[in-house]
Amino acid sequence: MSADAIAHYIQQLHTSGSEAAYYALLTDTSAEDLPVLMAAYDAERSAKVMAALVEIIWQKRVPDTLDFLAQTLQRSEPDIWKASLDGMTAIGGEAALALLEAEKNSPLQDFGGRYFHSR
């Protein structure tokens, strides 16, 4: 899928056509599109869209995305970190386990009275 088409569908994730856009990104993108999707996540400000992008990315089940998922696991927004955790467990393997163990052993960080692990 072209970068312009990806940007178009990501823009639609903000609208009432979000379900169709989500499925287009999920089914019509490939592992080659992952850098564009990850860059879009970095530029995004909507937690809802960020969570959707995390899910679309992990659904490709590419182990090279584990570092990205470990970073997104650091977010305080439940929809984002839960999607990250889902992805890490779905991809699995020793690398995912090592990242999850590191996260489990990291100190807690206070986000307005809610505590999350932080590296």
N, C-alpha and C. Protein backbone atom coordinates (compact mmCIF):
# COMPACT_ATOMS: atom_id res chain seq x y z
N MET A 1 0.86 -1.17 0.00
CA MET A 1 0.00 0.00 0.00
C MET A 1 0.91 1.23 0.00
N SER A 2 0.52 2.23 -0.73
CA SER A 2 1.33 3.44 -0.81
C SER A 2 1.24 4.23 0.51
N ALA A 3 2.26 5.03 0.75
CA ALA A 3 2.27 5.86 1.96
C ALA A 3 1.09 6.83 1.96
N ASP A 4 0.71 7.33 0.77
CA ASP A 4 -0.44 8.24 0.69
C ASP A 4 -1.74 7.52 1.05
N ALA A 5 -1.88 6.28 0.61
CA ALA A 5 -3.09 5.51 0.95
C ALA A 5 -3.13 5.22 2.44
N ILE A 6 -1.97 4.89 3.01
CA ILE A 6 -1.92 4.65 4.46
C ILE A 6 -2.32 5.92 5.21
N ALA A 7 -1.78 7.06 4.80
CA ALA A 7 -2.13 8.34 5.45
C ALA A 7 -3.62 8.62 5.32
N HIS A 8 -4.19 8.32 4.16
CA HIS A 8 -5.63 8.53 3.94
C HIS A 8 -6.45 7.68 4.92
N TYR A 9 -6.10 6.41 5.05
CA TYR A 9 -6.84 5.53 5.95
C TYR A 9 -6.64 5.93 7.41
N ILE A 10 -5.45 6.35 7.76
CA ILE A 10 -5.21 6.79 9.14
C ILE A 10 -6.06 8.02 9.44
N GLN A 11 -6.18 8.92 8.47
CA GLN A 11 -7.04 10.09 8.66
C GLN A 11 -8.48 9.65 8.88
N GLN A 12 -8.91 8.61 8.17
CA GLN A 12 -10.28 8.11 8.33
C GLN A 12 -10.50 7.44 9.68
N LEU A 13 -9.42 7.01 10.35
CA LEU A 13 -9.58 6.44 11.69
C LEU A 13 -10.14 7.47 12.67
N HIS A 14 -10.03 8.73 12.32
CA HIS A 14 -10.55 9.82 13.16
C HIS A 14 -12.03 10.09 12.91
N THR A 15 -12.63 9.41 11.95
CA THR A 15 -13.99 9.73 11.54
C THR A 15 -14.94 8.56 11.77
N SER A 16 -16.17 8.75 11.33
CA SER A 16 -17.16 7.68 11.45
C SER A 16 -16.84 6.50 10.53
N GLY A 17 -15.94 6.68 9.57
CA GLY A 17 -15.54 5.59 8.70
C GLY A 17 -14.36 4.81 9.25
N SER A 18 -14.17 4.90 10.56
CA SER A 18 -12.97 4.31 11.16
C SER A 18 -12.92 2.79 11.04
N GLU A 19 -14.05 2.12 11.09
CA GLU A 19 -14.04 0.66 11.02
C GLU A 19 -13.54 0.17 9.66
N ALA A 20 -14.03 0.78 8.59
CA ALA A 20 -13.58 0.40 7.25
C ALA A 20 -12.10 0.73 7.07
N ALA A 21 -11.67 1.87 7.59
CA ALA A 21 -10.27 2.25 7.49
C ALA A 21 -9.38 1.29 8.27
N TYR A 22 -9.82 0.91 9.45
CA TYR A 22 -9.07 -0.04 10.28
C TYR A 22 -8.87 -1.35 9.51
N TYR A 23 -9.93 -1.89 8.94
CA TYR A 23 -9.82 -3.16 8.23
C TYR A 23 -9.01 -3.05 6.94
N ALA A 24 -9.08 -1.89 6.29
CA ALA A 24 -8.24 -1.68 5.10
C ALA A 24 -6.76 -1.70 5.50
N LEU A 25 -6.43 -1.02 6.58
CA LEU A 25 -5.04 -1.01 7.05
C LEU A 25 -4.61 -2.39 7.54
N LEU A 26 -5.51 -3.09 8.15
CA LEU A 26 -5.20 -4.42 8.67
C LEU A 26 -4.97 -5.43 7.55
N THR A 27 -5.80 -5.39 6.53
CA THR A 27 -5.74 -6.42 5.49
C THR A 27 -4.92 -6.02 4.26
N ASP A 28 -4.81 -4.73 3.98
CA ASP A 28 -4.15 -4.31 2.74
C ASP A 28 -2.71 -3.86 2.92
N THR A 29 -2.24 -3.80 4.17
CA THR A 29 -0.84 -3.46 4.38
C THR A 29 -0.06 -4.76 4.61
N SER A 30 1.24 -4.64 4.45
CA SER A 30 2.11 -5.81 4.63
C SER A 30 3.26 -5.43 5.55
N ALA A 31 4.14 -6.37 5.79
CA ALA A 31 5.31 -6.11 6.64
C ALA A 31 6.16 -4.98 6.08
N GLU A 32 6.17 -4.81 4.78
CA GLU A 32 6.95 -3.72 4.17
C GLU A 32 6.40 -2.34 4.55
N ASP A 33 5.15 -2.29 4.95
CA ASP A 33 4.52 -1.02 5.33
C ASP A 33 4.73 -0.66 6.81
N LEU A 34 5.32 -1.55 7.57
CA LEU A 34 5.47 -1.32 9.00
C LEU A 34 6.22 -0.03 9.34
N PRO A 35 7.31 0.33 8.66
CA PRO A 35 7.96 1.60 9.00
C PRO A 35 7.04 2.81 8.84
N VAL A 36 6.19 2.79 7.82
CA VAL A 36 5.25 3.90 7.61
C VAL A 36 4.21 3.92 8.73
N LEU A 37 3.71 2.75 9.11
CA LEU A 37 2.73 2.67 10.19
C LEU A 37 3.33 3.10 11.53
N MET A 38 4.57 2.71 11.80
CA MET A 38 5.21 3.10 13.06
C MET A 38 5.50 4.60 13.09
N ALA A 39 5.89 5.16 11.95
CA ALA A 39 6.10 6.62 11.88
C ALA A 39 4.77 7.35 12.09
N ALA A 40 3.69 6.80 11.54
CA ALA A 40 2.37 7.41 11.74
C ALA A 40 1.99 7.37 13.21
N TYR A 41 2.29 6.27 13.88
CA TYR A 41 2.03 6.18 15.32
C TYR A 41 2.79 7.29 16.06
N ASP A 42 4.05 7.47 15.73
CA ASP A 42 4.87 8.49 16.40
C ASP A 42 4.33 9.90 16.20
N ALA A 43 3.70 10.14 15.05
CA ALA A 43 3.17 11.47 14.75
C ALA A 43 1.74 11.67 15.28
N GLU A 44 1.10 10.59 15.67
CA GLU A 44 -0.31 10.64 16.07
C GLU A 44 -0.48 11.22 17.48
N ARG A 45 -1.60 11.90 17.71
CA ARG A 45 -1.90 12.47 19.03
C ARG A 45 -3.14 11.84 19.67
N SER A 46 -3.96 11.19 18.89
CA SER A 46 -5.18 10.57 19.41
C SER A 46 -4.85 9.19 19.99
N ALA A 47 -5.16 8.99 21.26
CA ALA A 47 -4.89 7.69 21.90
C ALA A 47 -5.69 6.58 21.22
N LYS A 48 -6.90 6.87 20.78
CA LYS A 48 -7.72 5.87 20.10
C LYS A 48 -7.04 5.41 18.81
N VAL A 49 -6.55 6.35 18.03
CA VAL A 49 -5.89 6.02 16.76
C VAL A 49 -4.55 5.35 17.03
N MET A 50 -3.84 5.81 18.05
CA MET A 50 -2.56 5.19 18.40
C MET A 50 -2.77 3.72 18.76
N ALA A 51 -3.79 3.43 19.54
CA ALA A 51 -4.07 2.04 19.92
C ALA A 51 -4.42 1.21 18.70
N ALA A 52 -5.19 1.77 17.78
CA ALA A 52 -5.54 1.05 16.55
C ALA A 52 -4.29 0.75 15.73
N LEU A 53 -3.38 1.72 15.66
CA LEU A 53 -2.14 1.51 14.90
C LEU A 53 -1.27 0.43 15.55
N VAL A 54 -1.19 0.44 16.88
CA VAL A 54 -0.43 -0.61 17.57
C VAL A 54 -1.01 -1.97 17.23
N GLU A 55 -2.32 -2.08 17.26
CA GLU A 55 -2.95 -3.37 16.96
C GLU A 55 -2.71 -3.79 15.51
N ILE A 56 -2.83 -2.87 14.59
CA ILE A 56 -2.58 -3.17 13.18
C ILE A 56 -1.14 -3.64 13.00
N ILE A 57 -0.21 -2.98 13.67
CA ILE A 57 1.21 -3.34 13.56
C ILE A 57 1.46 -4.73 14.11
N TRP A 58 0.96 -5.02 15.31
CA TRP A 58 1.27 -6.34 15.87
C TRP A 58 0.56 -7.47 15.14
N GLN A 59 -0.56 -7.17 14.52
CA GLN A 59 -1.28 -8.21 13.78
C GLN A 59 -0.46 -8.77 12.62
N LYS A 60 0.57 -8.05 12.19
CA LYS A 60 1.47 -8.57 11.16
C LYS A 60 2.38 -9.66 11.73
N ARG A 61 2.49 -9.69 13.06
CA ARG A 61 3.27 -10.71 13.78
C ARG A 61 4.72 -10.80 13.30
N VAL A 62 5.34 -9.64 13.19
CA VAL A 62 6.73 -9.55 12.78
C VAL A 62 7.59 -9.35 14.02
N PRO A 63 8.47 -10.28 14.34
CA PRO A 63 9.29 -10.14 15.55
C PRO A 63 10.11 -8.85 15.61
N ASP A 64 10.45 -8.29 14.46
CA ASP A 64 11.21 -7.04 14.46
C ASP A 64 10.44 -5.87 15.06
N THR A 65 9.14 -6.03 15.28
CA THR A 65 8.34 -4.95 15.88
C THR A 65 8.32 -5.02 17.41
N LEU A 66 8.98 -5.99 17.99
CA LEU A 66 8.93 -6.15 19.45
C LEU A 66 9.50 -4.94 20.19
N ASP A 67 10.58 -4.34 19.69
CA ASP A 67 11.12 -3.15 20.35
C ASP A 67 10.12 -2.00 20.31
N PHE A 68 9.45 -1.84 19.18
CA PHE A 68 8.40 -0.83 19.07
C PHE A 68 7.30 -1.11 20.09
N LEU A 69 6.87 -2.36 20.18
CA LEU A 69 5.81 -2.71 21.13
C LEU A 69 6.26 -2.50 22.57
N ALA A 70 7.53 -2.78 22.86
CA ALA A 70 8.04 -2.54 24.21
C ALA A 70 8.00 -1.05 24.55
N GLN A 71 8.26 -0.20 23.56
CA GLN A 71 8.19 1.25 23.79
C GLN A 71 6.74 1.69 24.00
N THR A 72 5.82 1.16 23.20
CA THR A 72 4.43 1.58 23.33
C THR A 72 3.81 1.01 24.61
N LEU A 73 4.39 -0.04 25.14
CA LEU A 73 3.94 -0.60 26.41
C LEU A 73 4.14 0.41 27.55
N GLN A 74 5.01 1.37 27.35
CA GLN A 74 5.31 2.39 28.36
C GLN A 74 4.22 3.46 28.48
N ARG A 75 3.31 3.51 27.54
CA ARG A 75 2.27 4.54 27.56
C ARG A 75 1.31 4.32 28.73
N SER A 76 0.78 5.40 29.25
CA SER A 76 -0.14 5.29 30.38
C SER A 76 -1.59 5.02 29.94
N GLU A 77 -1.89 5.25 28.65
CA GLU A 77 -3.25 5.05 28.17
C GLU A 77 -3.54 3.54 28.08
N PRO A 78 -4.57 3.06 28.78
CA PRO A 78 -4.83 1.62 28.82
C PRO A 78 -5.01 0.98 27.45
N ASP A 79 -5.70 1.64 26.53
CA ASP A 79 -5.92 1.03 25.22
C ASP A 79 -4.61 0.80 24.48
N ILE A 80 -3.65 1.69 24.70
CA ILE A 80 -2.36 1.57 24.01
C ILE A 80 -1.52 0.48 24.65
N TRP A 81 -1.33 0.52 25.98
CA TRP A 81 -0.45 -0.49 26.57
C TRP A 81 -1.06 -1.88 26.51
N LYS A 82 -2.39 -1.96 26.56
CA LYS A 82 -3.01 -3.28 26.43
C LYS A 82 -2.82 -3.85 25.02
N ALA A 83 -2.93 -3.01 24.00
CA ALA A 83 -2.68 -3.46 22.63
C ALA A 83 -1.22 -3.91 22.48
N SER A 84 -0.32 -3.18 23.12
CA SER A 84 1.10 -3.54 23.07
C SER A 84 1.34 -4.89 23.73
N LEU A 85 0.74 -5.08 24.88
CA LEU A 85 0.89 -6.34 25.60
C LEU A 85 0.29 -7.50 24.80
N ASP A 86 -0.87 -7.27 24.21
CA ASP A 86 -1.47 -8.29 23.35
C ASP A 86 -0.52 -8.67 22.22
N GLY A 87 0.09 -7.67 21.61
CA GLY A 87 1.00 -7.92 20.51
C GLY A 87 2.24 -8.68 20.92
N MET A 88 2.80 -8.30 22.04
CA MET A 88 4.01 -8.98 22.51
C MET A 88 3.72 -10.44 22.83
N THR A 89 2.57 -10.71 23.42
CA THR A 89 2.24 -12.10 23.74
C THR A 89 1.85 -12.88 22.48
N ALA A 90 1.23 -12.22 21.52
CA ALA A 90 0.86 -12.90 20.27
C ALA A 90 2.10 -13.26 19.45
N ILE A 91 3.05 -12.35 19.40
CA ILE A 91 4.28 -12.62 18.65
C ILE A 91 5.11 -13.66 19.39
N GLY A 92 5.19 -13.48 20.70
CA GLY A 92 5.86 -14.47 21.55
C GLY A 92 7.33 -14.66 21.25
N GLY A 93 7.85 -15.76 21.74
CA GLY A 93 9.25 -16.08 21.55
C GLY A 93 10.12 -15.58 22.68
N GLU A 94 11.37 -15.97 22.64
CA GLU A 94 12.29 -15.60 23.71
C GLU A 94 12.54 -14.10 23.78
N ALA A 95 12.59 -13.43 22.63
CA ALA A 95 12.81 -11.98 22.63
C ALA A 95 11.66 -11.26 23.32
N ALA A 96 10.43 -11.66 23.03
CA ALA A 96 9.27 -11.05 23.67
C ALA A 96 9.29 -11.32 25.17
N LEU A 97 9.62 -12.54 25.54
CA LEU A 97 9.68 -12.89 26.96
C LEU A 97 10.74 -12.06 27.68
N ALA A 98 11.90 -11.88 27.06
CA ALA A 98 12.96 -11.08 27.67
C ALA A 98 12.51 -9.63 27.86
N LEU A 99 11.84 -9.07 26.87
CA LEU A 99 11.35 -7.69 26.99
C LEU A 99 10.29 -7.57 28.08
N LEU A 100 9.41 -8.55 28.17
CA LEU A 100 8.38 -8.52 29.20
C LEU A 100 8.97 -8.71 30.60
N GLU A 101 9.98 -9.55 30.71
CA GLU A 101 10.67 -9.72 32.00
C GLU A 101 11.36 -8.43 32.41
N ALA A 102 12.00 -7.76 31.46
CA ALA A 102 12.65 -6.48 31.75
C ALA A 102 11.63 -5.45 32.22
N GLU A 103 10.48 -5.45 31.58
CA GLU A 103 9.41 -4.53 31.96
C GLU A 103 8.90 -4.84 33.37
N LYS A 104 8.73 -6.11 33.64
CA LYS A 104 8.24 -6.53 34.96
C LYS A 104 9.20 -6.11 36.07
N ASN A 105 10.49 -6.12 35.78
CA ASN A 105 11.50 -5.80 36.78
C ASN A 105 11.88 -4.32 36.81
N SER A 106 11.25 -3.50 35.96
CA SER A 106 11.58 -2.07 35.94
C SER A 106 10.83 -1.36 37.08
N PRO A 107 11.37 -0.20 37.52
CA PRO A 107 10.70 0.52 38.61
C PRO A 107 9.35 1.09 38.16
N LEU A 108 8.48 1.31 39.14
CA LEU A 108 7.17 1.89 38.86
C LEU A 108 7.30 3.40 38.72
N GLN A 109 6.49 3.96 37.81
CA GLN A 109 6.44 5.40 37.60
C GLN A 109 5.02 5.86 37.87
N ASP A 110 4.88 6.98 38.57
CA ASP A 110 3.57 7.52 38.93
C ASP A 110 3.02 8.38 37.80
N PHE A 111 1.85 8.03 37.29
CA PHE A 111 1.13 8.82 36.30
C PHE A 111 -0.17 9.28 36.95
N GLY A 112 -0.10 10.34 37.73
CA GLY A 112 -1.30 10.88 38.34
C GLY A 112 -2.00 9.91 39.27
N GLY A 113 -1.25 9.23 40.11
CA GLY A 113 -1.83 8.29 41.05
C GLY A 113 -2.00 6.88 40.50
N ARG A 114 -1.68 6.69 39.23
CA ARG A 114 -1.72 5.35 38.61
C ARG A 114 -0.27 4.98 38.32
N TYR A 115 0.11 3.80 38.69
CA TYR A 115 1.51 3.40 38.61
C TYR A 115 1.74 2.43 37.46
N PHE A 116 2.82 2.70 36.72
CA PHE A 116 3.21 1.87 35.60
C PHE A 116 4.70 1.63 35.69
N HIS A 117 5.13 0.52 35.12
CA HIS A 117 6.56 0.22 35.06
C HIS A 117 7.23 1.18 34.10
N SER A 118 8.44 1.58 34.43
CA SER A 118 9.21 2.48 33.58
C SER A 118 10.65 2.03 33.55
N ARG A 119 11.23 2.08 32.39
CA ARG A 119 12.65 1.70 32.28
C ARG A 119 13.54 2.89 32.39
